[in-house]
Amino acid sequence: MNNKAIKEVIDVIDKYSEVYGAFEGIQKRDKQVLLPEFGDQKTGLIGEFYSRLYLLNKGFKDVKYAPQGSKYDIIVGDNNMKIQVKTANTFYSKTNTLSPIKKGWDFLYLISLNAEFKPNGFWIQKYSKSIFKGKEHIPSAKIRDPRPEKIKCIGSKIFDFSNNLSNELNEAINKFL
């Protein structure tokens, strides 16, 4: 993977965080006069990019994004390890609700982003039938907000948030810069 191209993506994420913050300010100030109160964002794409760097830094080879419409986001190597990535910007989110989680993966990466769209929370969940409780998908799980002042935002109890690997994820990202 080309470090110059990775640096370019990181630079765009930095610019995006500035623009996103400016949009948030307008949305809060003008309450649907100029823009809808809530807007779509690229957090999922950013989380998948960070996850790929994490896996490459761990020494995995052949880390690819899954085809559109897959029940997972990343596929790794010949063993076809499937990873679903769910990302929320807990700085801006009012609910910390994740998009639906579908069956069909080996690992679930849960990523919380701060105001600068950098990871401040990263948890890895191994697939377990108990997470789904007999259902085909989880429609609205919540991610933990790792900021100390948000201690009440603990996330959905189906996940184990005890081991925050955000330092490890940030180290992996920085190795490519």
Protein backbone atom coordinates (compact mmCIF):
# COMPACT_ATOMS: atom_id res chain seq x y z
CA MET A 1 0.00 0.00 0.00
CA ASN A 2 1.27 3.44 -0.97
CA ASN A 3 2.04 5.61 2.09
CA LYS A 4 1.63 8.78 0.01
CA ALA A 5 -1.91 7.75 -0.92
CA ILE A 6 -2.67 6.88 2.72
CA LYS A 7 -1.41 10.31 3.80
CA GLU A 8 -3.68 11.87 1.17
CA VAL A 9 -6.73 10.07 2.63
CA ILE A 10 -5.77 11.12 6.17
CA ASP A 11 -5.44 14.74 4.98
CA VAL A 12 -8.90 14.56 3.41
CA ILE A 13 -10.32 13.15 6.67
CA ASP A 14 -8.78 16.12 8.52
CA LYS A 15 -10.39 18.55 6.05
CA TYR A 16 -13.68 16.65 6.23
CA SER A 17 -13.74 16.96 10.02
CA GLU A 18 -13.38 20.75 9.70
CA VAL A 19 -16.12 20.99 7.08
CA TYR A 20 -18.34 18.58 9.01
CA GLY A 21 -17.99 20.71 12.14
CA ALA A 22 -18.91 23.83 10.16
CA PHE A 23 -22.01 22.08 8.75
CA GLU A 24 -22.98 20.96 12.26
CA GLY A 25 -22.76 24.57 13.44
CA ILE A 26 -25.06 25.75 10.64
CA GLN A 27 -27.49 22.89 11.26
CA LYS A 28 -27.70 23.65 14.99
CA ARG A 29 -27.95 27.39 14.48
CA ASP A 30 -30.47 27.52 11.62
CA LYS A 31 -32.70 24.49 12.44
CA GLN A 32 -33.65 23.45 8.89
CA VAL A 33 -33.62 26.93 7.37
CA LEU A 34 -30.62 26.25 5.15
CA LEU A 35 -29.98 22.55 5.66
CA PRO A 36 -31.81 19.55 7.10
CA GLU A 37 -31.24 19.25 10.85
CA PHE A 38 -29.49 15.91 10.36
CA GLY A 39 -27.20 14.95 7.48
CA ASP A 40 -25.59 11.89 5.99
CA GLN A 41 -21.94 11.43 6.70
CA LYS A 42 -18.93 9.38 5.65
CA THR A 43 -18.17 7.91 9.07
CA GLY A 44 -18.64 4.34 7.85
CA LEU A 45 -16.20 4.81 5.00
CA ILE A 46 -13.66 6.36 7.39
CA GLY A 47 -14.07 3.48 9.86
CA GLU A 48 -13.51 0.90 7.11
CA PHE A 49 -10.38 2.73 5.96
CA TYR A 50 -8.99 2.79 9.51
CA SER A 51 -9.85 -0.89 9.96
CA ARG A 52 -7.96 -1.81 6.82
CA LEU A 53 -4.87 0.04 8.05
CA TYR A 54 -5.19 -1.74 11.39
CA LEU A 55 -5.26 -5.15 9.70
CA LEU A 56 -2.35 -4.34 7.39
CA ASN A 57 -0.34 -3.14 10.39
CA LYS A 58 -1.11 -6.45 12.14
CA GLY A 59 0.61 -8.22 9.24
CA PHE A 60 -2.44 -9.49 7.38
CA LYS A 61 -1.97 -9.71 3.64
CA ASP A 62 -4.57 -9.28 0.95
CA VAL A 63 -6.95 -7.07 2.93
CA LYS A 64 -9.76 -6.00 0.60
CA TYR A 65 -13.04 -4.17 0.84
CA ALA A 66 -16.00 -6.48 0.37
CA PRO A 67 -18.24 -6.20 -2.68
CA GLN A 68 -21.16 -3.77 -2.42
CA GLY A 69 -24.16 -5.40 -0.72
CA SER A 70 -22.11 -7.87 1.34
CA LYS A 71 -23.02 -8.56 4.97
CA TYR A 72 -19.48 -7.57 5.91
CA ASP A 73 -17.17 -4.74 4.90
CA ILE A 74 -13.67 -6.23 4.72
CA ILE A 75 -12.39 -9.64 3.67
CA VAL A 76 -8.93 -10.78 4.67
CA GLY A 77 -6.68 -13.16 2.76
CA ASP A 78 -7.05 -16.74 1.74
CA ASN A 79 -8.89 -17.71 4.91
CA ASN A 80 -11.67 -15.32 3.91
CA MET A 81 -11.96 -13.75 7.35
CA LYS A 82 -14.98 -11.45 7.15
CA ILE A 83 -15.14 -8.24 9.16
CA GLN A 84 -18.11 -5.95 9.56
CA VAL A 85 -17.23 -2.42 10.63
CA LYS A 86 -19.64 -0.13 12.45
CA THR A 87 -18.57 3.43 13.09
CA ALA A 88 -20.18 6.39 14.84
CA ASN A 89 -18.91 9.84 15.55
CA THR A 90 -19.86 9.93 19.22
CA PHE A 91 -18.85 13.59 19.46
CA TYR A 92 -21.65 14.65 17.10
CA SER A 93 -24.14 11.81 17.47
CA LYS A 94 -27.08 12.37 19.80
CA THR A 95 -27.91 8.67 20.11
CA ASN A 96 -24.72 6.74 19.20
CA THR A 97 -26.95 4.37 17.22
CA LEU A 98 -25.22 2.18 14.65
CA SER A 99 -26.60 1.18 11.28
CA PRO A 100 -28.14 -2.34 11.23
CA ILE A 101 -25.76 -5.19 11.98
CA LYS A 102 -26.36 -8.25 9.80
CA LYS A 103 -25.21 -11.83 10.27
CA GLY A 104 -22.45 -13.14 8.03
CA TRP A 105 -19.18 -11.98 9.58
CA ASP A 106 -16.41 -13.42 11.73
CA PHE A 107 -15.48 -10.20 13.57
CA LEU A 108 -17.28 -6.95 14.23
CA TYR A 109 -15.16 -3.82 14.60
CA LEU A 110 -16.87 -1.06 16.57
CA ILE A 111 -15.25 2.34 16.14
CA SER A 112 -16.04 5.59 17.90
CA LEU A 113 -14.69 8.79 16.35
CA ASN A 114 -13.98 12.12 18.03
CA ALA A 115 -14.65 15.62 16.63
CA GLU A 116 -11.59 15.32 14.37
CA PHE A 117 -12.83 11.97 13.02
CA LYS A 118 -9.98 10.16 14.76
CA PRO A 119 -10.63 6.95 16.73
CA ASN A 120 -11.26 7.39 20.44
CA GLY A 121 -12.92 3.99 20.83
CA PHE A 122 -12.19 0.66 19.11
CA TRP A 123 -13.59 -2.68 20.17
CA ILE A 124 -13.41 -6.04 18.43
CA GLN A 125 -16.26 -8.52 18.86
CA LYS A 126 -15.98 -12.13 17.73
CA TYR A 127 -19.12 -13.55 16.13
CA SER A 128 -21.50 -15.19 18.55
CA LYS A 129 -25.05 -16.37 17.98
CA SER A 130 -25.98 -14.85 21.34
CA ILE A 131 -25.48 -11.35 19.96
CA PHE A 132 -28.40 -11.85 17.57
CA LYS A 133 -30.75 -13.68 19.96
CA GLY A 134 -32.32 -15.67 17.11
CA LYS A 135 -32.76 -12.67 14.79
CA GLU A 136 -31.19 -12.12 11.39
CA HIS A 137 -30.00 -8.61 12.17
CA ILE A 138 -29.70 -6.07 14.96
CA PRO A 139 -31.55 -2.94 13.83
CA SER A 140 -30.32 -0.29 16.27
CA ALA A 141 -27.47 -1.18 18.60
CA LYS A 142 -25.56 1.62 20.28
CA ILE A 143 -21.83 2.16 20.55
CA ARG A 144 -20.19 3.30 23.77
CA ASP A 145 -19.00 6.89 24.04
CA PRO A 146 -15.50 6.55 25.53
CA ARG A 147 -15.23 10.13 26.78
CA PRO A 148 -15.09 10.17 30.60
CA GLU A 149 -17.75 12.89 30.83
CA LYS A 150 -20.14 10.64 28.87
CA ILE A 151 -19.98 7.74 31.33
CA LYS A 152 -23.75 7.14 30.99
CA CYS A 153 -23.39 6.41 27.26
CA ILE A 154 -22.35 2.79 27.85
CA GLY A 155 -23.54 1.29 24.57
CA SER A 156 -25.64 -1.81 23.99
CA LYS A 157 -25.13 -4.56 26.54
CA ILE A 158 -24.77 -7.19 23.80
CA PHE A 159 -21.24 -5.90 23.20
CA ASP A 160 -18.13 -6.12 25.36
CA PHE A 161 -16.70 -2.61 25.70
CA SER A 162 -14.15 -3.54 28.37
CA ASN A 163 -11.08 -3.47 26.11
CA ASN A 164 -10.76 -0.18 24.21
CA LEU A 165 -8.08 -0.70 21.55
CA SER A 166 -8.16 2.87 20.21
CA ASN A 167 -4.51 3.50 21.10
CA GLU A 168 -3.52 0.44 19.08
CA LEU A 169 -5.68 1.57 16.15
CA ASN A 170 -4.23 5.09 16.23
CA GLU A 171 -0.68 3.69 16.35
CA ALA A 172 -1.47 1.58 13.28
CA ILE A 173 -2.85 4.60 11.42
CA ASN A 174 0.18 6.72 12.33
CA LYS A 175 2.61 4.08 11.06
CA PHE A 176 1.36 4.73 7.54
CA LEU A 177 1.92 8.47 7.72
